[in-house]
Amino acid sequence: MLKKTIAKLKPVKKQPKTKKVATKTEGPRRLKQRTYKSFKLSKKIKPVQPPLKSSYKIFKLSLKTFFSNKKVLIGLSLVYGLLTLILVNGFGNSLNAGELKEAFSDLSDGQLGDLTVSATIFGALVTSTGSAVTATGSVYQTVLLVIFALATIWCLRQVYAGQSASVKDGLYKGMTPLIPFLLVLVVIGLQLLPLAIGGWLYGIVISNNIAITFVEKAIWGLLFGSMVILSLYMISSSIFGLFVVALPDMKPMKALRSARGLVLHRRLMVIKRLLFLPVILVLIAAVIMIPVLLWLTAIADWLFFGLSQLGAIFSLTYLYALYRELLNE
């Protein structure tokens, strides 16, 4: 018993500590990428993705894609225009360029030059783009826009994959992701609510003379501008969700998350390229339409209608080219 007690009291020799050897991981070491939260001030994070092409280069690439595949893309524009003419406009126009020209000339008593009158009519035509003659026409217009957007996206995917595409195949096979596509459109519609509410409030304030002084108008203008920026910030990623959700077996929320990942740390560059599209299209339309309004007013309505249908399909071509550019990482 005594021997056991003595044995317990003997100091136990400590085992020498072994140094931990750091195991090397395969591949180069990478720093953890910084993140930031939306609408919170933080240092600018340099994007790790390659720089995007300029707006002009993407526009030039879109033109090349559009005209090198003109049989299918212009074919979609023609079918879209014909159905819009029948179902939406009823072979009529919401505006008549000839009547507008006479009205402006009578009101100004010839004081306004022909160029000024033509530019004013062109502005009225641009603002009336997308407006239907009747309420039923608005429903048909929305349905046609969704159908031909899906058909165009399907054809563009085939074109970029080096495969053949046709108008018939686009209209038949491109309708598969209809429900996910509509759900993404609903999300985009919700993201546009700040813009719509801001425009409604600003219109009420100005029309009812609630804001009278320059400072008051400036404050309300800044409020409206901030709501526009908020909507633009959100849809700058969600708009690419329309292309992602058209992929096979893609869910709407997964598509929206993937779209946000595409514009991560380069949202401002994407917004600049998105804003470039309507500006350049309006400028091109002005170069074509103003001379026509000056000297060939009789065909101005039909020419502008044709340009608007081509512009709708070409806009999708440009956005798809930008989407492909975002994918090239």
C-alpha atoms as a PDB file:
ATOM      1  CA  MET A   1       0.000   0.000   0.000  1.00  0.00           C
ATOM      2  CA  LEU A   2       2.868   2.351   0.899  1.00  0.00           C
ATOM      3  CA  LYS A   3       4.647   1.558  -2.359  1.00  0.00           C
ATOM      4  CA  LYS A   4       1.545   2.494  -4.383  1.00  0.00           C
ATOM      5  CA  THR A   5       1.270   5.815  -2.518  1.00  0.00           C
ATOM      6  CA  ILE A   6       4.946   6.666  -3.200  1.00  0.00           C
ATOM      7  CA  ALA A   7       4.529   5.769  -6.858  1.00  0.00           C
ATOM      8  CA  LYS A   8       1.665   8.216  -7.136  1.00  0.00           C
ATOM      9  CA  LEU A   9       3.739  11.012  -5.582  1.00  0.00           C
ATOM     10  CA  LYS A  10       6.563  10.656  -8.121  1.00  0.00           C
ATOM     11  CA  PRO A  11       6.607  13.474 -10.685  1.00  0.00           C
ATOM     12  CA  VAL A  12       5.373  12.511 -14.096  1.00  0.00           C
ATOM     13  CA  LYS A  13       7.766  13.319 -16.914  1.00  0.00           C
ATOM     14  CA  LYS A  14       6.279  15.749 -19.412  1.00  0.00           C
ATOM     15  CA  GLN A  15       6.261  14.675 -22.972  1.00  0.00           C
ATOM     16  CA  PRO A  16       8.184  17.046 -25.272  1.00  0.00           C
ATOM     17  CA  LYS A  17       5.942  19.288 -27.319  1.00  0.00           C
ATOM     18  CA  THR A  18       5.855  18.528 -30.979  1.00  0.00           C
ATOM     19  CA  LYS A  19       5.831  21.424 -33.357  1.00  0.00           C
ATOM     20  CA  LYS A  20       2.906  21.550 -35.711  1.00  0.00           C
ATOM     21  CA  VAL A  21       4.023  21.510 -39.298  1.00  0.00           C
ATOM     22  CA  ALA A  22       1.905  23.705 -41.526  1.00  0.00           C
ATOM     23  CA  THR A  23       0.574  21.741 -44.432  1.00  0.00           C
ATOM     24  CA  LYS A  24       0.806  23.464 -47.766  1.00  0.00           C
ATOM     25  CA  THR A  25      -2.349  23.712 -49.751  1.00  0.00           C
ATOM     26  CA  GLU A  26      -2.294  23.109 -53.445  1.00  0.00           C
ATOM     27  CA  GLY A  27      -2.499  26.164 -55.676  1.00  0.00           C
ATOM     28  CA  PRO A  28      -1.660  29.828 -55.049  1.00  0.00           C
ATOM     29  CA  ARG A  29      -2.727  31.557 -51.849  1.00  0.00           C
ATOM     30  CA  ARG A  30      -5.603  34.000 -52.240  1.00  0.00           C
ATOM     31  CA  LEU A  31      -6.675  36.849 -50.022  1.00  0.00           C
ATOM     32  CA  LYS A  32     -10.222  36.723 -48.767  1.00  0.00           C
ATOM     33  CA  GLN A  33     -12.346  39.025 -50.898  1.00  0.00           C
ATOM     34  CA  ARG A  34     -13.837  41.969 -49.058  1.00  0.00           C
ATOM     35  CA  THR A  35     -17.571  42.362 -49.005  1.00  0.00           C
ATOM     36  CA  TYR A  36     -19.909  45.253 -48.373  1.00  0.00           C
ATOM     37  CA  LYS A  37     -23.569  45.798 -47.642  1.00  0.00           C
ATOM     38  CA  SER A  38     -25.887  47.698 -49.939  1.00  0.00           C
ATOM     39  CA  PHE A  39     -26.698  51.327 -49.062  1.00  0.00           C
ATOM     40  CA  LYS A  40     -23.870  51.524 -46.518  1.00  0.00           C
ATOM     41  CA  LEU A  41     -20.829  53.753 -46.911  1.00  0.00           C
ATOM     42  CA  SER A  42     -17.664  51.731 -47.389  1.00  0.00           C
ATOM     43  CA  LYS A  43     -14.369  51.888 -49.212  1.00  0.00           C
ATOM     44  CA  LYS A  44     -14.451  51.169 -52.909  1.00  0.00           C
ATOM     45  CA  ILE A  45     -13.685  47.524 -53.647  1.00  0.00           C
ATOM     46  CA  LYS A  46     -11.644  46.916 -56.759  1.00  0.00           C
ATOM     47  CA  PRO A  47     -13.368  44.259 -58.910  1.00  0.00           C
ATOM     48  CA  VAL A  48     -11.425  41.053 -59.412  1.00  0.00           C
ATOM     49  CA  GLN A  49     -13.218  40.338 -62.691  1.00  0.00           C
ATOM     50  CA  PRO A  50     -11.726  41.536 -65.983  1.00  0.00           C
ATOM     51  CA  PRO A  51     -12.893  45.008 -67.080  1.00  0.00           C
ATOM     52  CA  LEU A  52     -16.041  45.246 -69.163  1.00  0.00           C
ATOM     53  CA  LYS A  53     -15.992  46.357 -72.761  1.00  0.00           C
ATOM     54  CA  SER A  54     -17.070  49.915 -73.396  1.00  0.00           C
ATOM     55  CA  SER A  55     -20.678  50.718 -74.246  1.00  0.00           C
ATOM     56  CA  TYR A  56     -19.698  51.531 -77.823  1.00  0.00           C
ATOM     57  CA  LYS A  57     -17.945  48.170 -78.312  1.00  0.00           C
ATOM     58  CA  ILE A  58     -20.919  46.254 -76.905  1.00  0.00           C
ATOM     59  CA  PHE A  59     -23.249  48.275 -79.153  1.00  0.00           C
ATOM     60  CA  LYS A  60     -21.047  47.541 -82.162  1.00  0.00           C
ATOM     61  CA  LEU A  61     -21.021  43.827 -81.284  1.00  0.00           C
ATOM     62  CA  SER A  62     -24.821  43.899 -80.962  1.00  0.00           C
ATOM     63  CA  LEU A  63     -25.157  45.467 -84.411  1.00  0.00           C
ATOM     64  CA  LYS A  64     -22.904  42.796 -85.879  1.00  0.00           C
ATOM     65  CA  THR A  65     -24.951  40.035 -84.185  1.00  0.00           C
ATOM     66  CA  PHE A  66     -28.242  41.600 -85.269  1.00  0.00           C
ATOM     67  CA  PHE A  67     -27.394  42.006 -88.945  1.00  0.00           C
ATOM     68  CA  SER A  68     -25.396  38.784 -89.296  1.00  0.00           C
ATOM     69  CA  ASN A  69     -28.530  36.961 -88.085  1.00  0.00           C
ATOM     70  CA  LYS A  70     -31.018  39.328 -89.699  1.00  0.00           C
ATOM     71  CA  LYS A  71     -33.147  36.518 -91.077  1.00  0.00           C
ATOM     72  CA  VAL A  72     -34.270  35.418 -87.622  1.00  0.00           C
ATOM     73  CA  LEU A  73     -34.019  38.695 -85.653  1.00  0.00           C
ATOM     74  CA  ILE A  74     -35.570  40.966 -88.268  1.00  0.00           C
ATOM     75  CA  GLY A  75     -38.093  38.171 -88.883  1.00  0.00           C
ATOM     76  CA  LEU A  76     -39.057  38.308 -85.200  1.00  0.00           C
ATOM     77  CA  SER A  77     -39.354  42.105 -85.492  1.00  0.00           C
ATOM     78  CA  LEU A  78     -41.690  41.797 -88.494  1.00  0.00           C
ATOM     79  CA  VAL A  79     -43.958  39.223 -86.844  1.00  0.00           C
ATOM     80  CA  TYR A  80     -43.965  41.233 -83.612  1.00  0.00           C
ATOM     81  CA  GLY A  81     -44.834  44.412 -85.521  1.00  0.00           C
ATOM     82  CA  LEU A  82     -47.619  42.734 -87.511  1.00  0.00           C
ATOM     83  CA  LEU A  83     -49.263  41.271 -84.391  1.00  0.00           C
ATOM     84  CA  THR A  84     -48.875  44.598 -82.561  1.00  0.00           C
ATOM     85  CA  LEU A  85     -50.497  46.371 -85.476  1.00  0.00           C
ATOM     86  CA  ILE A  86     -53.461  43.978 -85.474  1.00  0.00           C
ATOM     87  CA  LEU A  87     -54.014  43.319 -81.768  1.00  0.00           C
ATOM     88  CA  VAL A  88     -52.720  46.475 -80.080  1.00  0.00           C
ATOM     89  CA  ASN A  89     -53.113  49.405 -82.469  1.00  0.00           C
ATOM     90  CA  GLY A  90     -55.953  48.061 -84.595  1.00  0.00           C
ATOM     91  CA  PHE A  91     -54.263  49.511 -87.722  1.00  0.00           C
ATOM     92  CA  GLY A  92     -54.363  52.917 -86.069  1.00  0.00           C
ATOM     93  CA  ASN A  93     -51.942  55.195 -84.221  1.00  0.00           C
ATOM     94  CA  SER A  94     -52.317  57.040 -80.932  1.00  0.00           C
ATOM     95  CA  LEU A  95     -50.657  60.072 -82.581  1.00  0.00           C
ATOM     96  CA  ASN A  96     -50.825  61.466 -86.089  1.00  0.00           C
ATOM     97  CA  ALA A  97     -47.660  63.288 -87.134  1.00  0.00           C
ATOM     98  CA  GLY A  98     -49.384  65.220 -89.935  1.00  0.00           C
ATOM     99  CA  GLU A  99     -52.125  66.572 -87.673  1.00  0.00           C
ATOM    100  CA  LEU A 100     -49.596  67.442 -84.967  1.00  0.00           C
ATOM    101  CA  LYS A 101     -47.482  69.374 -87.454  1.00  0.00           C
ATOM    102  CA  GLU A 102     -50.471  71.423 -88.609  1.00  0.00           C
ATOM    103  CA  ALA A 103     -51.560  72.052 -85.001  1.00  0.00           C
ATOM    104  CA  PHE A 104     -48.113  73.268 -83.918  1.00  0.00           C
ATOM    105  CA  SER A 105     -47.834  75.486 -86.980  1.00  0.00           C
ATOM    106  CA  ASP A 106     -51.263  77.060 -86.302  1.00  0.00           C
ATOM    107  CA  LEU A 107     -50.528  77.621 -82.612  1.00  0.00           C
ATOM    108  CA  SER A 108     -47.169  79.269 -83.262  1.00  0.00           C
ATOM    109  CA  ASP A 109     -48.426  81.317 -86.275  1.00  0.00           C
ATOM    110  CA  GLY A 110     -45.312  80.312 -88.158  1.00  0.00           C
ATOM    111  CA  GLN A 111     -42.992  81.711 -85.471  1.00  0.00           C
ATOM    112  CA  LEU A 112     -41.483  78.290 -84.776  1.00  0.00           C
ATOM    113  CA  GLY A 113     -39.187  76.963 -87.454  1.00  0.00           C
ATOM    114  CA  ASP A 114     -39.922  73.715 -89.282  1.00  0.00           C
ATOM    115  CA  LEU A 115     -36.942  72.068 -87.567  1.00  0.00           C
ATOM    116  CA  THR A 116     -38.244  73.003 -84.111  1.00  0.00           C
ATOM    117  CA  VAL A 117     -41.725  71.725 -84.946  1.00  0.00           C
ATOM    118  CA  SER A 118     -40.291  68.444 -86.278  1.00  0.00           C
ATOM    119  CA  ALA A 119     -38.144  67.987 -83.162  1.00  0.00           C
ATOM    120  CA  THR A 120     -41.187  68.627 -80.937  1.00  0.00           C
ATOM    121  CA  ILE A 121     -43.270  66.074 -82.841  1.00  0.00           C
ATOM    122  CA  PHE A 122     -40.424  63.569 -82.597  1.00  0.00           C
ATOM    123  CA  GLY A 123     -40.380  64.064 -78.815  1.00  0.00           C
ATOM    124  CA  ALA A 124     -44.135  63.421 -78.707  1.00  0.00           C
ATOM    125  CA  LEU A 125     -43.691  60.230 -80.741  1.00  0.00           C
ATOM    126  CA  VAL A 126     -40.947  58.988 -78.408  1.00  0.00           C
ATOM    127  CA  THR A 127     -43.021  59.614 -75.271  1.00  0.00           C
ATOM    128  CA  SER A 128     -46.016  57.833 -76.821  1.00  0.00           C
ATOM    129  CA  THR A 129     -43.987  54.687 -77.593  1.00  0.00           C
ATOM    130  CA  GLY A 130     -45.569  51.657 -75.966  1.00  0.00           C
ATOM    131  CA  SER A 131     -48.959  53.312 -75.398  1.00  0.00           C
ATOM    132  CA  ALA A 132     -51.916  51.316 -76.675  1.00  0.00           C
ATOM    133  CA  VAL A 133     -55.070  52.772 -78.186  1.00  0.00           C
ATOM    134  CA  THR A 134     -57.424  50.764 -75.920  1.00  0.00           C
ATOM    135  CA  ALA A 135     -57.253  49.000 -72.545  1.00  0.00           C
ATOM    136  CA  THR A 136     -57.583  45.644 -74.277  1.00  0.00           C
ATOM    137  CA  GLY A 137     -54.684  46.618 -76.498  1.00  0.00           C
ATOM    138  CA  SER A 138     -52.513  47.143 -73.412  1.00  0.00           C
ATOM    139  CA  VAL A 139     -53.162  43.552 -72.325  1.00  0.00           C
ATOM    140  CA  TYR A 140     -52.291  42.230 -75.781  1.00  0.00           C
ATOM    141  CA  GLN A 141     -49.173  44.396 -75.816  1.00  0.00           C
ATOM    142  CA  THR A 142     -47.927  42.896 -72.541  1.00  0.00           C
ATOM    143  CA  VAL A 143     -48.606  39.351 -73.750  1.00  0.00           C
ATOM    144  CA  LEU A 144     -46.803  39.961 -77.050  1.00  0.00           C
ATOM    145  CA  LEU A 145     -43.835  41.561 -75.285  1.00  0.00           C
ATOM    146  CA  VAL A 146     -43.373  38.515 -73.029  1.00  0.00           C
ATOM    147  CA  ILE A 147     -43.754  36.018 -75.884  1.00  0.00           C
ATOM    148  CA  PHE A 148     -41.323  37.742 -78.222  1.00  0.00           C
ATOM    149  CA  ALA A 149     -38.835  38.457 -75.437  1.00  0.00           C
ATOM    150  CA  LEU A 150     -38.662  34.719 -74.674  1.00  0.00           C
ATOM    151  CA  ALA A 151     -38.437  33.854 -78.384  1.00  0.00           C
ATOM    152  CA  THR A 152     -35.626  36.385 -78.914  1.00  0.00           C
ATOM    153  CA  ILE A 153     -33.659  35.158 -75.893  1.00  0.00           C
ATOM    154  CA  TRP A 154     -33.918  31.558 -77.116  1.00  0.00           C
ATOM    155  CA  CYS A 155     -32.759  32.531 -80.622  1.00  0.00           C
ATOM    156  CA  LEU A 156     -29.857  34.591 -79.255  1.00  0.00           C
ATOM    157  CA  ARG A 157     -28.714  31.666 -77.111  1.00  0.00           C
ATOM    158  CA  GLN A 158     -28.716  29.440 -80.181  1.00  0.00           C
ATOM    159  CA  VAL A 159     -26.831  32.044 -82.214  1.00  0.00           C
ATOM    160  CA  TYR A 160     -24.110  32.491 -79.586  1.00  0.00           C
ATOM    161  CA  ALA A 161     -23.806  28.709 -79.308  1.00  0.00           C
ATOM    162  CA  GLY A 162     -23.129  28.521 -83.063  1.00  0.00           C
ATOM    163  CA  GLN A 163     -26.369  26.699 -83.821  1.00  0.00           C
ATOM    164  CA  SER A 164     -29.128  27.546 -86.265  1.00  0.00           C
ATOM    165  CA  ALA A 165     -32.257  29.368 -85.127  1.00  0.00           C
ATOM    166  CA  SER A 166     -35.534  30.305 -86.775  1.00  0.00           C
ATOM    167  CA  VAL A 167     -38.563  32.405 -85.930  1.00  0.00           C
ATOM    168  CA  LYS A 168     -40.769  29.306 -85.720  1.00  0.00           C
ATOM    169  CA  ASP A 169     -38.401  27.457 -83.370  1.00  0.00           C
ATOM    170  CA  GLY A 170     -38.044  30.556 -81.197  1.00  0.00           C
ATOM    171  CA  LEU A 171     -41.804  30.887 -80.800  1.00  0.00           C
ATOM    172  CA  TYR A 172     -42.282  27.152 -80.198  1.00  0.00           C
ATOM    173  CA  LYS A 173     -39.293  26.183 -78.066  1.00  0.00           C
ATOM    174  CA  GLY A 174     -38.623  29.493 -76.339  1.00  0.00           C
ATOM    175  CA  MET A 175     -41.861  29.422 -74.312  1.00  0.00           C
ATOM    176  CA  THR A 176     -40.695  26.696 -71.891  1.00  0.00           C
ATOM    177  CA  PRO A 177     -39.558  28.988 -69.022  1.00  0.00           C
ATOM    178  CA  LEU A 178     -42.709  31.146 -69.220  1.00  0.00           C
ATOM    179  CA  ILE A 179     -43.741  30.935 -65.533  1.00  0.00           C
ATOM    180  CA  PRO A 180     -40.233  31.557 -64.058  1.00  0.00           C
ATOM    181  CA  PHE A 181     -39.792  34.407 -66.560  1.00  0.00           C
ATOM    182  CA  LEU A 182     -43.072  35.999 -65.424  1.00  0.00           C
ATOM    183  CA  LEU A 183     -42.074  35.672 -61.757  1.00  0.00           C
ATOM    184  CA  VAL A 184     -38.797  37.514 -62.427  1.00  0.00           C
ATOM    185  CA  LEU A 185     -40.802  40.175 -64.269  1.00  0.00           C
ATOM    186  CA  VAL A 186     -43.009  40.557 -61.180  1.00  0.00           C
ATOM    187  CA  VAL A 187     -39.902  41.153 -59.048  1.00  0.00           C
ATOM    188  CA  ILE A 188     -38.685  43.787 -61.523  1.00  0.00           C
ATOM    189  CA  GLY A 189     -42.122  45.405 -61.400  1.00  0.00           C
ATOM    190  CA  LEU A 190     -41.896  45.623 -57.598  1.00  0.00           C
ATOM    191  CA  GLN A 191     -38.421  47.132 -57.875  1.00  0.00           C
ATOM    192  CA  LEU A 192     -39.831  49.826 -60.174  1.00  0.00           C
ATOM    193  CA  LEU A 193     -42.390  50.883 -57.545  1.00  0.00           C
ATOM    194  CA  PRO A 194     -40.110  53.545 -55.977  1.00  0.00           C
ATOM    195  CA  LEU A 195     -39.734  55.181 -59.407  1.00  0.00           C
ATOM    196  CA  ALA A 196     -43.497  55.088 -60.023  1.00  0.00           C
ATOM    197  CA  ILE A 197     -44.351  56.422 -56.544  1.00  0.00           C
ATOM    198  CA  GLY A 198     -41.719  59.152 -56.813  1.00  0.00           C
ATOM    199  CA  GLY A 199     -43.025  60.263 -60.207  1.00  0.00           C
ATOM    200  CA  TRP A 200     -46.604  60.271 -58.907  1.00  0.00           C
ATOM    201  CA  LEU A 201     -45.701  62.357 -55.845  1.00  0.00           C
ATOM    202  CA  TYR A 202     -43.579  64.799 -57.841  1.00  0.00           C
ATOM    203  CA  GLY A 203     -46.375  65.253 -60.393  1.00  0.00           C
ATOM    204  CA  ILE A 204     -48.925  66.008 -57.652  1.00  0.00           C
ATOM    205  CA  VAL A 205     -46.600  68.454 -55.906  1.00  0.00           C
ATOM    206  CA  ILE A 206     -45.805  70.397 -59.081  1.00  0.00           C
ATOM    207  CA  SER A 207     -49.288  70.366 -60.658  1.00  0.00           C
ATOM    208  CA  ASN A 208     -51.054  71.439 -57.433  1.00  0.00           C
ATOM    209  CA  ASN A 209     -48.486  74.165 -56.660  1.00  0.00           C
ATOM    210  CA  ILE A 210     -47.542  72.574 -53.342  1.00  0.00           C
ATOM    211  CA  ALA A 211     -43.889  73.352 -54.085  1.00  0.00           C
ATOM    212  CA  ILE A 212     -43.647  76.973 -55.199  1.00  0.00           C
ATOM    213  CA  THR A 213     -40.153  78.253 -54.515  1.00  0.00           C
ATOM    214  CA  PHE A 214     -37.021  76.999 -56.224  1.00  0.00           C
ATOM    215  CA  VAL A 215     -35.756  75.421 -52.979  1.00  0.00           C
ATOM    216  CA  GLU A 216     -38.984  73.467 -52.461  1.00  0.00           C
ATOM    217  CA  LYS A 217     -38.961  72.214 -56.049  1.00  0.00           C
ATOM    218  CA  ALA A 218     -35.297  71.254 -55.704  1.00  0.00           C
ATOM    219  CA  ILE A 219     -36.005  69.253 -52.513  1.00  0.00           C
ATOM    220  CA  TRP A 220     -38.866  67.363 -54.133  1.00  0.00           C
ATOM    221  CA  GLY A 221     -36.743  66.865 -57.237  1.00  0.00           C
ATOM    222  CA  LEU A 222     -33.941  65.372 -55.128  1.00  0.00           C
ATOM    223  CA  LEU A 223     -36.445  63.070 -53.432  1.00  0.00           C
ATOM    224  CA  PHE A 224     -37.749  61.905 -56.804  1.00  0.00           C
ATOM    225  CA  GLY A 225     -34.183  61.473 -58.100  1.00  0.00           C
ATOM    226  CA  SER A 226     -33.207  59.342 -55.104  1.00  0.00           C
ATOM    227  CA  MET A 227     -36.186  57.040 -55.718  1.00  0.00           C
ATOM    228  CA  VAL A 228     -35.227  56.757 -59.384  1.00  0.00           C
ATOM    229  CA  ILE A 229     -31.676  55.802 -58.378  1.00  0.00           C
ATOM    230  CA  LEU A 230     -33.038  53.207 -55.939  1.00  0.00           C
ATOM    231  CA  SER A 231     -35.105  51.524 -58.666  1.00  0.00           C
ATOM    232  CA  LEU A 232     -32.234  51.726 -61.146  1.00  0.00           C
ATOM    233  CA  TYR A 233     -29.872  50.196 -58.588  1.00  0.00           C
ATOM    234  CA  MET A 234     -32.148  47.205 -58.060  1.00  0.00           C
ATOM    235  CA  ILE A 235     -33.112  46.492 -61.665  1.00  0.00           C
ATOM    236  CA  SER A 236     -29.497  46.838 -62.865  1.00  0.00           C
ATOM    237  CA  SER A 237     -28.982  43.267 -61.710  1.00  0.00           C
ATOM    238  CA  SER A 238     -32.508  41.853 -61.920  1.00  0.00           C
ATOM    239  CA  ILE A 239     -32.790  42.608 -65.636  1.00  0.00           C
ATOM    240  CA  PHE A 240     -30.120  39.972 -66.292  1.00  0.00           C
ATOM    241  CA  GLY A 241     -32.216  37.534 -64.284  1.00  0.00           C
ATOM    242  CA  LEU A 242     -34.512  37.432 -67.330  1.00  0.00           C
ATOM    243  CA  PHE A 243     -31.700  35.815 -69.312  1.00  0.00           C
ATOM    244  CA  VAL A 244     -30.545  33.542 -66.487  1.00  0.00           C
ATOM    245  CA  VAL A 245     -34.057  32.246 -65.732  1.00  0.00           C
ATOM    246  CA  ALA A 246     -34.463  31.176 -69.385  1.00  0.00           C
ATOM    247  CA  LEU A 247     -31.823  28.489 -68.798  1.00  0.00           C
ATOM    248  CA  PRO A 248     -33.116  24.900 -68.352  1.00  0.00           C
ATOM    249  CA  ASP A 249     -34.293  23.953 -64.821  1.00  0.00           C
ATOM    250  CA  MET A 250     -33.591  27.407 -63.407  1.00  0.00           C
ATOM    251  CA  LYS A 251     -35.615  28.741 -60.467  1.00  0.00           C
ATOM    252  CA  PRO A 252     -36.515  32.461 -60.272  1.00  0.00           C
ATOM    253  CA  MET A 253     -34.790  33.231 -56.949  1.00  0.00           C
ATOM    254  CA  LYS A 254     -31.662  31.349 -57.991  1.00  0.00           C
ATOM    255  CA  ALA A 255     -31.649  33.316 -61.238  1.00  0.00           C
ATOM    256  CA  LEU A 256     -31.911  36.621 -59.356  1.00  0.00           C
ATOM    257  CA  ARG A 257     -29.062  35.629 -57.008  1.00  0.00           C
ATOM    258  CA  SER A 258     -26.912  34.658 -59.983  1.00  0.00           C
ATOM    259  CA  ALA A 259     -27.707  37.982 -61.650  1.00  0.00           C
ATOM    260  CA  ARG A 260     -26.629  39.876 -58.525  1.00  0.00           C
ATOM    261  CA  GLY A 261     -23.367  37.939 -58.581  1.00  0.00           C
ATOM    262  CA  LEU A 262     -22.752  39.019 -62.171  1.00  0.00           C
ATOM    263  CA  VAL A 263     -22.809  42.734 -61.312  1.00  0.00           C
ATOM    264  CA  LEU A 264     -20.995  42.404 -57.979  1.00  0.00           C
ATOM    265  CA  HIS A 265     -18.506  45.257 -57.437  1.00  0.00           C
ATOM    266  CA  ARG A 266     -19.174  46.665 -60.919  1.00  0.00           C
ATOM    267  CA  ARG A 267     -22.797  47.780 -60.697  1.00  0.00           C
ATOM    268  CA  LEU A 268     -21.962  51.378 -61.643  1.00  0.00           C
ATOM    269  CA  MET A 269     -20.240  50.220 -64.840  1.00  0.00           C
ATOM    270  CA  VAL A 270     -23.301  48.108 -65.676  1.00  0.00           C
ATOM    271  CA  ILE A 271     -25.683  51.031 -65.035  1.00  0.00           C
ATOM    272  CA  LYS A 272     -23.663  53.242 -67.399  1.00  0.00           C
ATOM    273  CA  ARG A 273     -23.944  50.626 -70.147  1.00  0.00           C
ATOM    274  CA  LEU A 274     -27.667  50.195 -69.507  1.00  0.00           C
ATOM    275  CA  LEU A 275     -28.301  53.951 -69.752  1.00  0.00           C
ATOM    276  CA  PHE A 276     -26.262  54.124 -72.954  1.00  0.00           C
ATOM    277  CA  LEU A 277     -28.822  51.994 -74.814  1.00  0.00           C
ATOM    278  CA  PRO A 278     -31.901  54.305 -74.694  1.00  0.00           C
ATOM    279  CA  VAL A 279     -29.732  57.375 -75.347  1.00  0.00           C
ATOM    280  CA  ILE A 280     -28.116  55.972 -78.499  1.00  0.00           C
ATOM    281  CA  LEU A 281     -31.416  54.543 -79.787  1.00  0.00           C
ATOM    282  CA  VAL A 282     -33.165  57.915 -79.404  1.00  0.00           C
ATOM    283  CA  LEU A 283     -30.277  59.683 -81.156  1.00  0.00           C
ATOM    284  CA  ILE A 284     -30.359  57.241 -84.081  1.00  0.00           C
ATOM    285  CA  ALA A 285     -34.152  57.560 -84.323  1.00  0.00           C
ATOM    286  CA  ALA A 286     -33.832  61.373 -84.284  1.00  0.00           C
ATOM    287  CA  VAL A 287     -31.324  61.331 -87.148  1.00  0.00           C
ATOM    288  CA  ILE A 288     -33.751  59.219 -89.206  1.00  0.00           C
ATOM    289  CA  MET A 289     -37.088  60.711 -88.174  1.00  0.00           C
ATOM    290  CA  ILE A 290     -36.509  64.479 -88.091  1.00  0.00           C
ATOM    291  CA  PRO A 291     -35.696  64.731 -91.843  1.00  0.00           C
ATOM    292  CA  VAL A 292     -38.718  62.510 -92.549  1.00  0.00           C
ATOM    293  CA  LEU A 293     -40.935  64.759 -90.405  1.00  0.00           C
ATOM    294  CA  LEU A 294     -39.610  67.769 -92.319  1.00  0.00           C
ATOM    295  CA  TRP A 295     -40.211  66.530 -95.854  1.00  0.00           C
ATOM    296  CA  LEU A 296     -42.084  63.175 -95.793  1.00  0.00           C
ATOM    297  CA  THR A 297     -44.616  63.615 -92.992  1.00  0.00           C
ATOM    298  CA  ALA A 298     -47.103  61.218 -94.599  1.00  0.00           C
ATOM    299  CA  ILE A 299     -44.920  58.165 -93.899  1.00  0.00           C
ATOM    300  CA  ALA A 300     -43.540  59.357 -90.547  1.00  0.00           C
ATOM    301  CA  ASP A 301     -46.020  57.404 -88.398  1.00  0.00           C
ATOM    302  CA  TRP A 302     -45.418  54.078 -90.140  1.00  0.00           C
ATOM    303  CA  LEU A 303     -41.657  54.549 -90.242  1.00  0.00           C
ATOM    304  CA  PHE A 304     -41.518  55.326 -86.531  1.00  0.00           C
ATOM    305  CA  PHE A 305     -43.682  52.299 -85.782  1.00  0.00           C
ATOM    306  CA  GLY A 306     -41.301  50.059 -87.738  1.00  0.00           C
ATOM    307  CA  LEU A 307     -38.266  51.550 -85.976  1.00  0.00           C
ATOM    308  CA  SER A 308     -39.857  50.963 -82.560  1.00  0.00           C
ATOM    309  CA  GLN A 309     -40.412  47.267 -83.337  1.00  0.00           C
ATOM    310  CA  LEU A 310     -36.840  46.841 -84.552  1.00  0.00           C
ATOM    311  CA  GLY A 311     -35.630  48.750 -81.504  1.00  0.00           C
ATOM    312  CA  ALA A 312     -37.428  46.387 -79.129  1.00  0.00           C
ATOM    313  CA  ILE A 313     -35.728  43.281 -80.565  1.00  0.00           C
ATOM    314  CA  PHE A 314     -32.387  45.064 -80.888  1.00  0.00           C
ATOM    315  CA  SER A 315     -32.566  46.181 -77.230  1.00  0.00           C
ATOM    316  CA  LEU A 316     -32.730  42.528 -76.189  1.00  0.00           C
ATOM    317  CA  THR A 317     -29.768  41.810 -78.475  1.00  0.00           C
ATOM    318  CA  TYR A 318     -27.741  44.555 -76.766  1.00  0.00           C
ATOM    319  CA  LEU A 319     -28.724  43.406 -73.266  1.00  0.00           C
ATOM    320  CA  TYR A 320     -27.852  39.813 -74.128  1.00  0.00           C
ATOM    321  CA  ALA A 321     -24.442  40.932 -75.439  1.00  0.00           C
ATOM    322  CA  LEU A 322     -23.873  42.771 -72.135  1.00  0.00           C
ATOM    323  CA  TYR A 323     -24.987  39.661 -70.233  1.00  0.00           C
ATOM    324  CA  ARG A 324     -22.487  37.532 -72.166  1.00  0.00           C
ATOM    325  CA  GLU A 325     -19.788  40.084 -71.423  1.00  0.00           C
ATOM    326  CA  LEU A 326     -20.547  39.801 -67.703  1.00  0.00           C
ATOM    327  CA  LEU A 327     -20.202  36.017 -67.963  1.00  0.00           C
ATOM    328  CA  ASN A 328     -16.723  36.243 -69.506  1.00  0.00           C
ATOM    329  CA  GLU A 329     -14.737  36.256 -66.257  1.00  0.00           C
END
